[in-house]
Amino acid sequence: MARALALGARHIDVGQTPEDGHIVLADPDGNEFCVIEAGNKFLADTGFIGAVACDGTQAVGYFWSEALGWPLVWDQDEETAIQSPQGGTKLTWGGPPVPPKTDTNRLYFELTLPPDADETAEIARLTELGARRGPDGVVMLDPDGNEFTVRRATT
């Protein structure tokens, strides 16, 4: 935490309590992040960046688990988390209440398909899981309305 503060982070209050077991900071651009002490069971088997926390419902956690083929590693009190079968950083969704979406997300997922993949079939599969096309017909929306893209890898 001292290193983050020295690099320009600042303490912020998002309603956390001492019992929550973490400190919330914001980087110089105002992006929030939590600092959690070592030994936290939720962050077991992760790297230096333990989790990327997203606003979202339990349903969107289930969607991304199926979409990516990553197992659900946390499903408690409407909070969900998934993690690659190879381990590493977890993707988490905090459950309700989800703040109203007022603009395009600052961060979003870009799914990259192998060069020989059938992009149309992949978009159909994601749609069956609960995604839909955005207004521009290119960007996809997950069940909570968060933007993501599907792109073919270039060789």
N, C-alpha and C. Protein backbone atom coordinates (compact mmCIF):
# COMPACT_ATOMS: atom_id res chain seq x y z
N MET A 1 0.81 -1.18 0.00
CA MET A 1 0.00 0.00 0.00
C MET A 1 0.87 1.25 0.00
N ALA A 2 1.97 1.23 0.74
CA ALA A 2 2.84 2.41 0.79
C ALA A 2 3.37 2.75 -0.59
N ARG A 3 3.69 1.72 -1.37
CA ARG A 3 4.19 1.98 -2.72
C ARG A 3 3.13 2.65 -3.58
N ALA A 4 1.89 2.18 -3.50
CA ALA A 4 0.80 2.78 -4.28
C ALA A 4 0.60 4.23 -3.87
N LEU A 5 0.64 4.52 -2.58
CA LEU A 5 0.48 5.90 -2.11
C LEU A 5 1.63 6.77 -2.61
N ALA A 6 2.85 6.24 -2.59
CA ALA A 6 4.01 7.00 -3.06
C ALA A 6 3.92 7.29 -4.56
N LEU A 7 3.21 6.42 -5.30
CA LEU A 7 3.07 6.60 -6.74
C LEU A 7 1.87 7.48 -7.11
N GLY A 8 1.16 8.00 -6.11
CA GLY A 8 0.08 8.93 -6.39
C GLY A 8 -1.31 8.47 -6.04
N ALA A 9 -1.45 7.27 -5.50
CA ALA A 9 -2.78 6.81 -5.07
C ALA A 9 -3.22 7.61 -3.85
N ARG A 10 -4.53 7.59 -3.61
CA ARG A 10 -5.07 8.27 -2.43
C ARG A 10 -6.16 7.40 -1.83
N HIS A 11 -6.36 7.54 -0.52
CA HIS A 11 -7.42 6.82 0.17
C HIS A 11 -8.78 7.37 -0.26
N ILE A 12 -9.75 6.48 -0.44
CA ILE A 12 -11.11 6.92 -0.72
C ILE A 12 -12.08 6.08 0.13
N ASP A 13 -13.25 6.60 0.33
CA ASP A 13 -14.27 5.92 1.11
C ASP A 13 -15.42 5.55 0.18
N VAL A 14 -15.63 4.24 0.02
CA VAL A 14 -16.75 3.76 -0.78
C VAL A 14 -17.75 3.03 0.11
N GLY A 15 -17.68 3.32 1.41
CA GLY A 15 -18.58 2.69 2.35
C GLY A 15 -18.00 1.47 3.03
N GLN A 16 -16.72 1.19 2.82
CA GLN A 16 -16.10 0.04 3.45
C GLN A 16 -15.98 0.26 4.96
N THR A 17 -15.99 -0.82 5.69
CA THR A 17 -15.84 -0.76 7.14
C THR A 17 -14.55 -1.48 7.52
N PRO A 18 -14.04 -1.27 8.73
CA PRO A 18 -12.84 -2.00 9.15
C PRO A 18 -13.02 -3.52 9.08
N GLU A 19 -14.26 -3.99 9.24
CA GLU A 19 -14.52 -5.43 9.19
C GLU A 19 -14.39 -5.99 7.78
N ASP A 20 -14.44 -5.11 6.77
CA ASP A 20 -14.34 -5.59 5.40
C ASP A 20 -12.97 -6.17 5.07
N GLY A 21 -11.95 -5.80 5.83
CA GLY A 21 -10.63 -6.40 5.65
C GLY A 21 -9.86 -5.89 4.45
N HIS A 22 -10.20 -4.72 3.93
CA HIS A 22 -9.44 -4.16 2.83
C HIS A 22 -9.47 -2.64 2.88
N ILE A 23 -8.52 -2.05 2.19
CA ILE A 23 -8.43 -0.60 2.09
C ILE A 23 -8.70 -0.23 0.64
N VAL A 24 -9.47 0.83 0.42
CA VAL A 24 -9.79 1.25 -0.94
C VAL A 24 -8.97 2.50 -1.26
N LEU A 25 -8.30 2.44 -2.40
CA LEU A 25 -7.51 3.55 -2.90
C LEU A 25 -8.00 3.92 -4.29
N ALA A 26 -7.60 5.08 -4.77
CA ALA A 26 -7.86 5.49 -6.15
C ALA A 26 -6.52 5.88 -6.76
N ASP A 27 -6.32 5.51 -8.02
CA ASP A 27 -5.11 5.92 -8.72
C ASP A 27 -5.24 7.40 -9.11
N PRO A 28 -4.20 8.00 -9.68
CA PRO A 28 -4.27 9.43 -10.01
C PRO A 28 -5.42 9.80 -10.95
N ASP A 29 -5.94 8.85 -11.75
CA ASP A 29 -7.07 9.13 -12.63
C ASP A 29 -8.42 8.90 -11.95
N GLY A 30 -8.41 8.47 -10.69
CA GLY A 30 -9.64 8.24 -9.95
C GLY A 30 -10.19 6.83 -10.02
N ASN A 31 -9.47 5.89 -10.65
CA ASN A 31 -9.92 4.50 -10.73
C ASN A 31 -9.70 3.83 -9.38
N GLU A 32 -10.77 3.26 -8.82
CA GLU A 32 -10.70 2.64 -7.50
C GLU A 32 -10.05 1.27 -7.56
N PHE A 33 -9.34 0.93 -6.49
CA PHE A 33 -8.84 -0.42 -6.32
C PHE A 33 -8.69 -0.72 -4.85
N CYS A 34 -8.74 -2.00 -4.50
CA CYS A 34 -8.64 -2.42 -3.12
C CYS A 34 -7.26 -3.01 -2.85
N VAL A 35 -6.77 -2.77 -1.67
CA VAL A 35 -5.54 -3.39 -1.20
C VAL A 35 -5.95 -4.37 -0.10
N ILE A 36 -5.64 -5.63 -0.31
CA ILE A 36 -6.06 -6.69 0.59
C ILE A 36 -4.81 -7.39 1.12
N GLU A 37 -4.80 -7.63 2.41
CA GLU A 37 -3.65 -8.27 3.04
C GLU A 37 -3.44 -9.69 2.51
N ALA A 38 -2.18 -10.12 2.54
CA ALA A 38 -1.83 -11.49 2.15
C ALA A 38 -2.59 -12.47 3.05
N GLY A 39 -2.89 -13.63 2.51
CA GLY A 39 -3.59 -14.65 3.28
C GLY A 39 -5.10 -14.65 3.07
N ASN A 40 -5.61 -13.71 2.29
CA ASN A 40 -7.03 -13.64 2.01
C ASN A 40 -7.42 -14.86 1.17
N LYS A 41 -8.38 -15.66 1.64
CA LYS A 41 -8.75 -16.89 0.95
C LYS A 41 -9.37 -16.63 -0.42
N PHE A 42 -10.09 -15.51 -0.55
CA PHE A 42 -10.70 -15.20 -1.83
C PHE A 42 -9.65 -15.04 -2.92
N LEU A 43 -8.47 -14.52 -2.55
CA LEU A 43 -7.43 -14.25 -3.53
C LEU A 43 -6.41 -15.38 -3.65
N ALA A 44 -6.70 -16.52 -3.04
CA ALA A 44 -5.80 -17.67 -3.15
C ALA A 44 -5.60 -18.04 -4.61
N ASP A 45 -4.40 -18.45 -4.95
CA ASP A 45 -4.06 -18.91 -6.30
C ASP A 45 -4.14 -17.82 -7.36
N THR A 46 -3.95 -16.57 -6.97
CA THR A 46 -3.92 -15.49 -7.93
C THR A 46 -2.52 -14.89 -7.98
N GLY A 47 -2.29 -14.05 -8.95
CA GLY A 47 -1.02 -13.37 -9.09
C GLY A 47 -1.01 -12.06 -8.32
N PHE A 48 -0.10 -11.18 -8.71
CA PHE A 48 0.05 -9.89 -8.05
C PHE A 48 -1.24 -9.08 -8.12
N ILE A 49 -1.91 -9.11 -9.27
CA ILE A 49 -3.25 -8.51 -9.37
C ILE A 49 -4.22 -9.65 -9.08
N GLY A 50 -4.78 -9.63 -7.89
CA GLY A 50 -5.62 -10.74 -7.45
C GLY A 50 -6.94 -10.84 -8.18
N ALA A 51 -7.59 -9.69 -8.39
CA ALA A 51 -8.90 -9.73 -9.02
C ALA A 51 -9.18 -8.43 -9.75
N VAL A 52 -9.90 -8.55 -10.85
CA VAL A 52 -10.46 -7.39 -11.54
C VAL A 52 -11.93 -7.38 -11.14
N ALA A 53 -12.32 -6.38 -10.35
CA ALA A 53 -13.67 -6.31 -9.81
C ALA A 53 -14.57 -5.50 -10.74
N CYS A 54 -15.72 -6.06 -11.06
CA CYS A 54 -16.67 -5.42 -11.96
C CYS A 54 -18.00 -5.25 -11.24
N ASP A 55 -18.73 -4.20 -11.61
CA ASP A 55 -20.11 -4.09 -11.17
C ASP A 55 -20.89 -5.10 -11.99
N GLY A 56 -21.80 -5.80 -11.36
CA GLY A 56 -22.60 -6.74 -12.12
C GLY A 56 -23.38 -7.69 -11.25
N THR A 57 -24.36 -8.29 -11.86
CA THR A 57 -25.24 -9.22 -11.19
C THR A 57 -24.64 -10.63 -11.18
N GLN A 58 -25.27 -11.49 -10.41
CA GLN A 58 -24.87 -12.89 -10.39
C GLN A 58 -25.02 -13.49 -11.78
N ALA A 59 -26.06 -13.10 -12.49
CA ALA A 59 -26.31 -13.64 -13.84
C ALA A 59 -25.17 -13.31 -14.79
N VAL A 60 -24.57 -12.13 -14.66
CA VAL A 60 -23.49 -11.78 -15.57
C VAL A 60 -22.23 -12.59 -15.23
N GLY A 61 -22.03 -12.91 -13.97
CA GLY A 61 -20.93 -13.80 -13.60
C GLY A 61 -21.10 -15.18 -14.22
N TYR A 62 -22.33 -15.68 -14.18
CA TYR A 62 -22.62 -16.98 -14.80
C TYR A 62 -22.39 -16.90 -16.32
N PHE A 63 -22.83 -15.80 -16.93
CA PHE A 63 -22.65 -15.62 -18.37
C PHE A 63 -21.17 -15.71 -18.74
N TRP A 64 -20.32 -14.91 -18.04
CA TRP A 64 -18.90 -14.89 -18.40
C TRP A 64 -18.22 -16.21 -18.10
N SER A 65 -18.68 -16.93 -17.09
CA SER A 65 -18.13 -18.26 -16.82
C SER A 65 -18.36 -19.17 -18.03
N GLU A 66 -19.58 -19.17 -18.55
CA GLU A 66 -19.90 -19.98 -19.73
C GLU A 66 -19.22 -19.45 -20.99
N ALA A 67 -19.22 -18.13 -21.16
CA ALA A 67 -18.65 -17.54 -22.37
C ALA A 67 -17.18 -17.85 -22.50
N LEU A 68 -16.44 -17.77 -21.39
CA LEU A 68 -14.99 -17.99 -21.43
C LEU A 68 -14.60 -19.43 -21.15
N GLY A 69 -15.53 -20.22 -20.62
CA GLY A 69 -15.19 -21.58 -20.22
C GLY A 69 -14.33 -21.60 -18.97
N TRP A 70 -14.47 -20.56 -18.14
CA TRP A 70 -13.72 -20.48 -16.89
C TRP A 70 -14.64 -20.88 -15.75
N PRO A 71 -14.15 -21.70 -14.83
CA PRO A 71 -15.03 -22.14 -13.74
C PRO A 71 -15.39 -21.00 -12.79
N LEU A 72 -16.57 -21.12 -12.23
CA LEU A 72 -17.02 -20.23 -11.18
C LEU A 72 -16.26 -20.64 -9.92
N VAL A 73 -15.50 -19.72 -9.33
CA VAL A 73 -14.70 -20.04 -8.15
C VAL A 73 -15.25 -19.34 -6.90
N TRP A 74 -16.27 -18.52 -7.08
CA TRP A 74 -16.91 -17.85 -5.96
C TRP A 74 -18.36 -17.58 -6.36
N ASP A 75 -19.29 -17.96 -5.50
CA ASP A 75 -20.70 -17.72 -5.75
C ASP A 75 -21.37 -17.63 -4.38
N GLN A 76 -21.38 -16.43 -3.82
CA GLN A 76 -21.88 -16.24 -2.47
C GLN A 76 -22.59 -14.90 -2.36
N ASP A 77 -23.77 -14.90 -1.79
CA ASP A 77 -24.53 -13.66 -1.56
C ASP A 77 -24.63 -12.83 -2.83
N GLU A 78 -24.88 -13.46 -3.96
CA GLU A 78 -25.03 -12.83 -5.27
C GLU A 78 -23.74 -12.26 -5.83
N GLU A 79 -22.61 -12.49 -5.16
CA GLU A 79 -21.30 -12.11 -5.70
C GLU A 79 -20.72 -13.33 -6.39
N THR A 80 -20.09 -13.12 -7.55
CA THR A 80 -19.50 -14.22 -8.29
C THR A 80 -18.07 -13.88 -8.70
N ALA A 81 -17.30 -14.91 -8.95
CA ALA A 81 -15.95 -14.75 -9.48
C ALA A 81 -15.63 -15.95 -10.35
N ILE A 82 -14.87 -15.69 -11.41
CA ILE A 82 -14.39 -16.75 -12.28
C ILE A 82 -12.88 -16.63 -12.38
N GLN A 83 -12.24 -17.72 -12.77
CA GLN A 83 -10.79 -17.72 -12.91
C GLN A 83 -10.41 -18.72 -13.99
N SER A 84 -9.41 -18.35 -14.76
CA SER A 84 -8.91 -19.27 -15.79
C SER A 84 -8.55 -20.61 -15.15
N PRO A 85 -8.77 -21.71 -15.86
CA PRO A 85 -8.34 -23.01 -15.34
C PRO A 85 -6.84 -23.06 -15.07
N GLN A 86 -6.06 -22.16 -15.69
CA GLN A 86 -4.62 -22.11 -15.44
C GLN A 86 -4.28 -21.25 -14.22
N GLY A 87 -5.28 -20.68 -13.56
CA GLY A 87 -5.04 -19.82 -12.40
C GLY A 87 -4.84 -18.38 -12.83
N GLY A 88 -4.34 -17.56 -11.94
CA GLY A 88 -4.10 -16.16 -12.23
C GLY A 88 -5.20 -15.26 -11.72
N THR A 89 -5.27 -14.06 -12.26
CA THR A 89 -6.22 -13.05 -11.82
C THR A 89 -7.65 -13.54 -11.96
N LYS A 90 -8.47 -13.23 -10.96
CA LYS A 90 -9.90 -13.55 -11.01
C LYS A 90 -10.67 -12.37 -11.57
N LEU A 91 -11.80 -12.65 -12.21
CA LEU A 91 -12.76 -11.62 -12.60
C LEU A 91 -13.94 -11.76 -11.64
N THR A 92 -14.33 -10.65 -11.01
CA THR A 92 -15.38 -10.71 -10.01
C THR A 92 -16.51 -9.74 -10.32
N TRP A 93 -17.71 -10.11 -9.86
CA TRP A 93 -18.88 -9.24 -9.98
C TRP A 93 -19.49 -9.13 -8.60
N GLY A 94 -19.73 -7.90 -8.16
CA GLY A 94 -20.11 -7.62 -6.78
C GLY A 94 -21.57 -7.83 -6.43
N GLY A 95 -22.41 -8.08 -7.40
CA GLY A 95 -23.82 -8.27 -7.10
C GLY A 95 -24.54 -6.95 -6.88
N PRO A 96 -25.84 -7.03 -6.58
CA PRO A 96 -26.62 -5.81 -6.40
C PRO A 96 -26.25 -5.09 -5.10
N PRO A 97 -26.53 -3.81 -5.02
CA PRO A 97 -27.12 -3.01 -6.08
C PRO A 97 -26.08 -2.64 -7.13
N VAL A 98 -26.46 -2.73 -8.40
CA VAL A 98 -25.59 -2.36 -9.50
C VAL A 98 -25.94 -0.93 -9.88
N PRO A 99 -24.94 -0.02 -9.85
CA PRO A 99 -25.25 1.37 -10.20
C PRO A 99 -25.81 1.47 -11.61
N PRO A 100 -26.70 2.43 -11.85
CA PRO A 100 -27.24 2.57 -13.20
C PRO A 100 -26.14 2.90 -14.20
N LYS A 101 -26.24 2.32 -15.36
CA LYS A 101 -25.26 2.55 -16.43
C LYS A 101 -25.64 3.83 -17.16
N THR A 102 -24.74 4.79 -17.17
CA THR A 102 -25.05 6.09 -17.78
C THR A 102 -24.25 6.37 -19.04
N ASP A 103 -23.21 5.57 -19.32
CA ASP A 103 -22.35 5.84 -20.46
C ASP A 103 -21.64 4.55 -20.84
N THR A 104 -20.81 4.61 -21.84
CA THR A 104 -19.98 3.47 -22.23
C THR A 104 -19.01 3.15 -21.09
N ASN A 105 -18.81 1.88 -20.83
CA ASN A 105 -17.86 1.47 -19.78
C ASN A 105 -16.45 1.94 -20.12
N ARG A 106 -15.71 2.37 -19.10
CA ARG A 106 -14.31 2.76 -19.31
C ARG A 106 -13.46 1.55 -19.66
N LEU A 107 -13.80 0.41 -19.10
CA LEU A 107 -13.09 -0.84 -19.38
C LEU A 107 -14.08 -1.85 -19.92
N TYR A 108 -13.64 -2.64 -20.89
CA TYR A 108 -14.52 -3.69 -21.40
C TYR A 108 -13.66 -4.82 -21.92
N PHE A 109 -14.29 -5.98 -22.10
CA PHE A 109 -13.57 -7.16 -22.56
C PHE A 109 -13.52 -7.19 -24.09
N GLU A 110 -12.40 -7.65 -24.61
CA GLU A 110 -12.24 -7.92 -26.04
C GLU A 110 -11.91 -9.39 -26.17
N LEU A 111 -12.81 -10.16 -26.74
CA LEU A 111 -12.58 -11.58 -26.94
C LEU A 111 -11.91 -11.77 -28.29
N THR A 112 -10.77 -12.43 -28.29
CA THR A 112 -10.01 -12.65 -29.51
C THR A 112 -10.12 -14.12 -29.90
N LEU A 113 -10.63 -14.35 -31.09
CA LEU A 113 -10.80 -15.70 -31.60
C LEU A 113 -9.57 -16.12 -32.39
N PRO A 114 -9.29 -17.41 -32.44
CA PRO A 114 -8.20 -17.87 -33.30
C PRO A 114 -8.49 -17.48 -34.75
N PRO A 115 -7.44 -17.33 -35.58
CA PRO A 115 -7.64 -16.89 -36.97
C PRO A 115 -8.61 -17.75 -37.77
N ASP A 116 -8.68 -19.05 -37.45
CA ASP A 116 -9.54 -19.94 -38.23
C ASP A 116 -10.93 -20.13 -37.61
N ALA A 117 -11.25 -19.41 -36.55
CA ALA A 117 -12.54 -19.57 -35.86
C ALA A 117 -13.68 -19.00 -36.69
N ASP A 118 -14.85 -19.54 -36.48
CA ASP A 118 -16.07 -19.07 -37.14
C ASP A 118 -16.68 -17.97 -36.27
N GLU A 119 -16.44 -16.73 -36.64
CA GLU A 119 -16.90 -15.59 -35.85
C GLU A 119 -18.43 -15.56 -35.74
N THR A 120 -19.12 -15.89 -36.82
CA THR A 120 -20.58 -15.90 -36.80
C THR A 120 -21.10 -16.93 -35.81
N ALA A 121 -20.50 -18.10 -35.78
CA ALA A 121 -20.92 -19.15 -34.85
C ALA A 121 -20.64 -18.74 -33.41
N GLU A 122 -19.51 -18.07 -33.18
CA GLU A 122 -19.18 -17.63 -31.81
C GLU A 122 -20.15 -16.56 -31.34
N ILE A 123 -20.50 -15.64 -32.20
CA ILE A 123 -21.48 -14.61 -31.82
C ILE A 123 -22.84 -15.25 -31.55
N ALA A 124 -23.21 -16.25 -32.34
CA ALA A 124 -24.47 -16.97 -32.09
C ALA A 124 -24.43 -17.68 -30.74
N ARG A 125 -23.30 -18.30 -30.40
CA ARG A 125 -23.16 -18.99 -29.12
C ARG A 125 -23.29 -18.00 -27.97
N LEU A 126 -22.62 -16.86 -28.07
CA LEU A 126 -22.69 -15.84 -27.02
C LEU A 126 -24.10 -15.29 -26.90
N THR A 127 -24.80 -15.14 -28.01
CA THR A 127 -26.18 -14.67 -27.99
C THR A 127 -27.08 -15.68 -27.28
N GLU A 128 -26.87 -16.96 -27.54
CA GLU A 128 -27.63 -18.01 -26.85
C GLU A 128 -27.40 -17.97 -25.35
N LEU A 129 -26.20 -17.54 -24.93
CA LEU A 129 -25.87 -17.44 -23.50
C LEU A 129 -26.47 -16.19 -22.85
N GLY A 130 -26.96 -15.25 -23.66
CA GLY A 130 -27.58 -14.05 -23.08
C GLY A 130 -27.04 -12.74 -23.57
N ALA A 131 -26.04 -12.75 -24.45
CA ALA A 131 -25.51 -11.50 -25.01
C ALA A 131 -26.44 -10.99 -26.10
N ARG A 132 -26.26 -9.74 -26.47
CA ARG A 132 -27.00 -9.16 -27.59
C ARG A 132 -26.10 -8.15 -28.29
N ARG A 133 -26.46 -7.81 -29.49
CA ARG A 133 -25.71 -6.81 -30.23
C ARG A 133 -26.04 -5.42 -29.71
N GLY A 134 -25.03 -4.55 -29.68
CA GLY A 134 -25.24 -3.17 -29.29
C GLY A 134 -25.89 -2.41 -30.44
N PRO A 135 -26.22 -1.15 -30.19
CA PRO A 135 -26.90 -0.34 -31.21
C PRO A 135 -26.13 -0.20 -32.51
N ASP A 136 -24.79 -0.26 -32.45
CA ASP A 136 -24.00 -0.11 -33.67
C ASP A 136 -23.86 -1.41 -34.45
N GLY A 137 -24.34 -2.53 -33.88
CA GLY A 137 -24.27 -3.82 -34.56
C GLY A 137 -22.91 -4.48 -34.50
N VAL A 138 -21.91 -3.82 -33.93
CA VAL A 138 -20.56 -4.38 -33.83
C VAL A 138 -20.26 -4.76 -32.39
N VAL A 139 -20.44 -3.82 -31.50
CA VAL A 139 -20.20 -4.06 -30.08
C VAL A 139 -21.28 -5.00 -29.56
N MET A 140 -20.89 -5.93 -28.71
CA MET A 140 -21.83 -6.84 -28.06
C MET A 140 -22.10 -6.32 -26.65
N LEU A 141 -23.22 -6.73 -26.08
CA LEU A 141 -23.58 -6.37 -24.71
C LEU A 141 -23.82 -7.65 -23.92
N ASP A 142 -23.23 -7.74 -22.72
CA ASP A 142 -23.49 -8.89 -21.87
C ASP A 142 -24.88 -8.73 -21.23
N PRO A 143 -25.35 -9.69 -20.44
CA PRO A 143 -26.70 -9.58 -19.88
C PRO A 143 -26.96 -8.33 -19.04
N ASP A 144 -25.92 -7.70 -18.49
CA ASP A 144 -26.09 -6.46 -17.72
C ASP A 144 -25.93 -5.21 -18.59
N GLY A 145 -25.68 -5.39 -19.90
CA GLY A 145 -25.53 -4.26 -20.80
C GLY A 145 -24.12 -3.72 -20.90
N ASN A 146 -23.13 -4.45 -20.39
CA ASN A 146 -21.73 -4.03 -20.50
C ASN A 146 -21.19 -4.39 -21.87
N GLU A 147 -20.45 -3.46 -22.47
CA GLU A 147 -19.92 -3.66 -23.82
C GLU A 147 -18.77 -4.67 -23.83
N PHE A 148 -18.69 -5.41 -24.92
CA PHE A 148 -17.52 -6.23 -25.22
C PHE A 148 -17.46 -6.43 -26.72
N THR A 149 -16.31 -6.80 -27.20
CA THR A 149 -16.15 -7.03 -28.63
C THR A 149 -15.65 -8.45 -28.87
N VAL A 150 -15.93 -8.94 -30.06
CA VAL A 150 -15.43 -10.23 -30.51
C VAL A 150 -14.61 -9.95 -31.76
N ARG A 151 -13.35 -10.31 -31.73
CA ARG A 151 -12.45 -10.04 -32.85
C ARG A 151 -11.68 -11.31 -33.21
N ARG A 152 -11.34 -11.40 -34.46
CA ARG A 152 -10.51 -12.50 -34.93
C ARG A 152 -9.05 -12.08 -34.80
N ALA A 153 -8.23 -12.98 -34.29
CA ALA A 153 -6.81 -12.70 -34.17
C ALA A 153 -6.20 -12.53 -35.54
N THR A 154 -5.25 -11.63 -35.64
CA THR A 154 -4.54 -11.47 -36.90
C THR A 154 -3.26 -12.25 -36.83
N THR A 155 -2.83 -12.75 -37.97
CA THR A 155 -1.60 -13.57 -37.99
C THR A 155 -0.43 -12.72 -38.41
